[in-house]
Amino acid sequence: MSALNLDSLLEESARRYPDREAVVSGPTRLTYRQVDAAANQVANLLTERGITPGDKVALMGVRPPHRP
């Protein structure tokens, strides 16, 4: 069995099922294509800022109003 990571699973799902819903949170619905595009934007931004594989990065998000 080969080792899989979230990145490779997401890319494969975006390739095979680009228009299927990947994320549903309240009224927000994102396809695998949209999630893959957003992940690539974040990866490119981190690379531009000098972040390399293995570096630790903190993430922060906003809690949606429908999630107490």
C-alpha atoms as a PDB file:
ATOM      1  CA  MET A   1       0.000   0.000   0.000  1.00  0.00           C
ATOM      2  CA  SER A   2       1.442   3.390  -0.940  1.00  0.00           C
ATOM      3  CA  ALA A   3       1.410   6.315   1.457  1.00  0.00           C
ATOM      4  CA  LEU A   4      -1.217   8.931   0.666  1.00  0.00           C
ATOM      5  CA  ASN A   5      -1.494  12.482   1.865  1.00  0.00           C
ATOM      6  CA  LEU A   6      -4.316  15.010   1.754  1.00  0.00           C
ATOM      7  CA  ASP A   7      -2.723  16.862  -1.156  1.00  0.00           C
ATOM      8  CA  SER A   8      -2.552  13.813  -3.408  1.00  0.00           C
ATOM      9  CA  LEU A   9      -6.083  12.710  -2.459  1.00  0.00           C
ATOM     10  CA  LEU A  10      -7.472  16.177  -3.207  1.00  0.00           C
ATOM     11  CA  GLU A  11      -5.674  16.438  -6.548  1.00  0.00           C
ATOM     12  CA  GLU A  12      -6.896  12.987  -7.598  1.00  0.00           C
ATOM     13  CA  SER A  13     -10.468  13.794  -6.572  1.00  0.00           C
ATOM     14  CA  ALA A  14     -10.334  17.132  -8.421  1.00  0.00           C
ATOM     15  CA  ARG A  15      -9.098  15.331 -11.524  1.00  0.00           C
ATOM     16  CA  ARG A  16     -11.707  12.567 -11.375  1.00  0.00           C
ATOM     17  CA  TYR A  17     -14.706  14.476  -9.971  1.00  0.00           C
ATOM     18  CA  PRO A  18     -14.100  18.206 -10.581  1.00  0.00           C
ATOM     19  CA  ASP A  19     -17.739  19.261 -10.293  1.00  0.00           C
ATOM     20  CA  ARG A  20     -18.780  17.080  -7.354  1.00  0.00           C
ATOM     21  CA  GLU A  21     -19.252  18.742  -3.981  1.00  0.00           C
ATOM     22  CA  ALA A  22     -16.227  18.382  -1.748  1.00  0.00           C
ATOM     23  CA  VAL A  23     -17.199  20.698   1.113  1.00  0.00           C
ATOM     24  CA  VAL A  24     -20.656  21.540   2.422  1.00  0.00           C
ATOM     25  CA  SER A  25     -20.894  23.907   5.377  1.00  0.00           C
ATOM     26  CA  GLY A  26     -24.254  25.563   5.923  1.00  0.00           C
ATOM     27  CA  PRO A  27     -25.091  27.473   2.753  1.00  0.00           C
ATOM     28  CA  THR A  28     -21.546  27.164   1.384  1.00  0.00           C
ATOM     29  CA  ARG A  29     -20.884  24.445  -1.181  1.00  0.00           C
ATOM     30  CA  LEU A  30     -17.502  23.980  -2.863  1.00  0.00           C
ATOM     31  CA  THR A  31     -16.588  21.546  -5.617  1.00  0.00           C
ATOM     32  CA  TYR A  32     -13.364  19.571  -5.712  1.00  0.00           C
ATOM     33  CA  ARG A  33     -12.199  21.942  -8.475  1.00  0.00           C
ATOM     34  CA  GLN A  34     -12.803  24.973  -6.231  1.00  0.00           C
ATOM     35  CA  VAL A  35     -11.116  23.418  -3.194  1.00  0.00           C
ATOM     36  CA  ASP A  36      -8.125  22.370  -5.297  1.00  0.00           C
ATOM     37  CA  ALA A  37      -7.828  25.888  -6.750  1.00  0.00           C
ATOM     38  CA  ALA A  38      -7.967  27.457  -3.278  1.00  0.00           C
ATOM     39  CA  ALA A  39      -5.361  24.999  -1.948  1.00  0.00           C
ATOM     40  CA  ASN A  40      -3.076  25.830  -4.871  1.00  0.00           C
ATOM     41  CA  GLN A  41      -3.461  29.564  -4.170  1.00  0.00           C
ATOM     42  CA  VAL A  42      -2.423  29.035  -0.550  1.00  0.00           C
ATOM     43  CA  ALA A  43       0.500  26.796  -1.568  1.00  0.00           C
ATOM     44  CA  ASN A  44       1.730  29.349  -4.107  1.00  0.00           C
ATOM     45  CA  LEU A  45       1.468  32.180  -1.580  1.00  0.00           C
ATOM     46  CA  LEU A  46       3.436  30.187   0.997  1.00  0.00           C
ATOM     47  CA  THR A  47       6.110  29.380  -1.593  1.00  0.00           C
ATOM     48  CA  GLU A  48       6.354  33.071  -2.541  1.00  0.00           C
ATOM     49  CA  ARG A  49       6.887  33.871   1.148  1.00  0.00           C
ATOM     50  CA  GLY A  50       9.787  31.426   1.393  1.00  0.00           C
ATOM     51  CA  ILE A  51       7.971  28.557   3.098  1.00  0.00           C
ATOM     52  CA  THR A  52       9.405  25.178   2.120  1.00  0.00           C
ATOM     53  CA  PRO A  53       8.222  21.576   2.639  1.00  0.00           C
ATOM     54  CA  GLY A  54       8.667  20.596   6.272  1.00  0.00           C
ATOM     55  CA  ASP A  55       8.228  24.143   7.621  1.00  0.00           C
ATOM     56  CA  LYS A  56       5.516  24.566  10.244  1.00  0.00           C
ATOM     57  CA  VAL A  57       2.741  27.020   9.390  1.00  0.00           C
ATOM     58  CA  ALA A  58      -0.106  28.196  11.635  1.00  0.00           C
ATOM     59  CA  LEU A  59      -3.569  28.466  10.109  1.00  0.00           C
ATOM     60  CA  MET A  60      -6.444  30.589  11.354  1.00  0.00           C
ATOM     61  CA  GLY A  61     -10.004  30.621  10.140  1.00  0.00           C
ATOM     62  CA  VAL A  62     -13.267  32.331  10.914  1.00  0.00           C
ATOM     63  CA  ARG A  63     -16.043  30.270  12.475  1.00  0.00           C
ATOM     64  CA  PRO A  64     -19.156  30.534  10.307  1.00  0.00           C
ATOM     65  CA  PRO A  65     -22.267  31.951  12.013  1.00  0.00           C
ATOM     66  CA  HIS A  66     -24.186  28.663  11.715  1.00  0.00           C
ATOM     67  CA  ARG A  67     -21.469  26.851  13.741  1.00  0.00           C
ATOM     68  CA  PRO A  68     -21.635  27.815  17.451  1.00  0.00           C
END
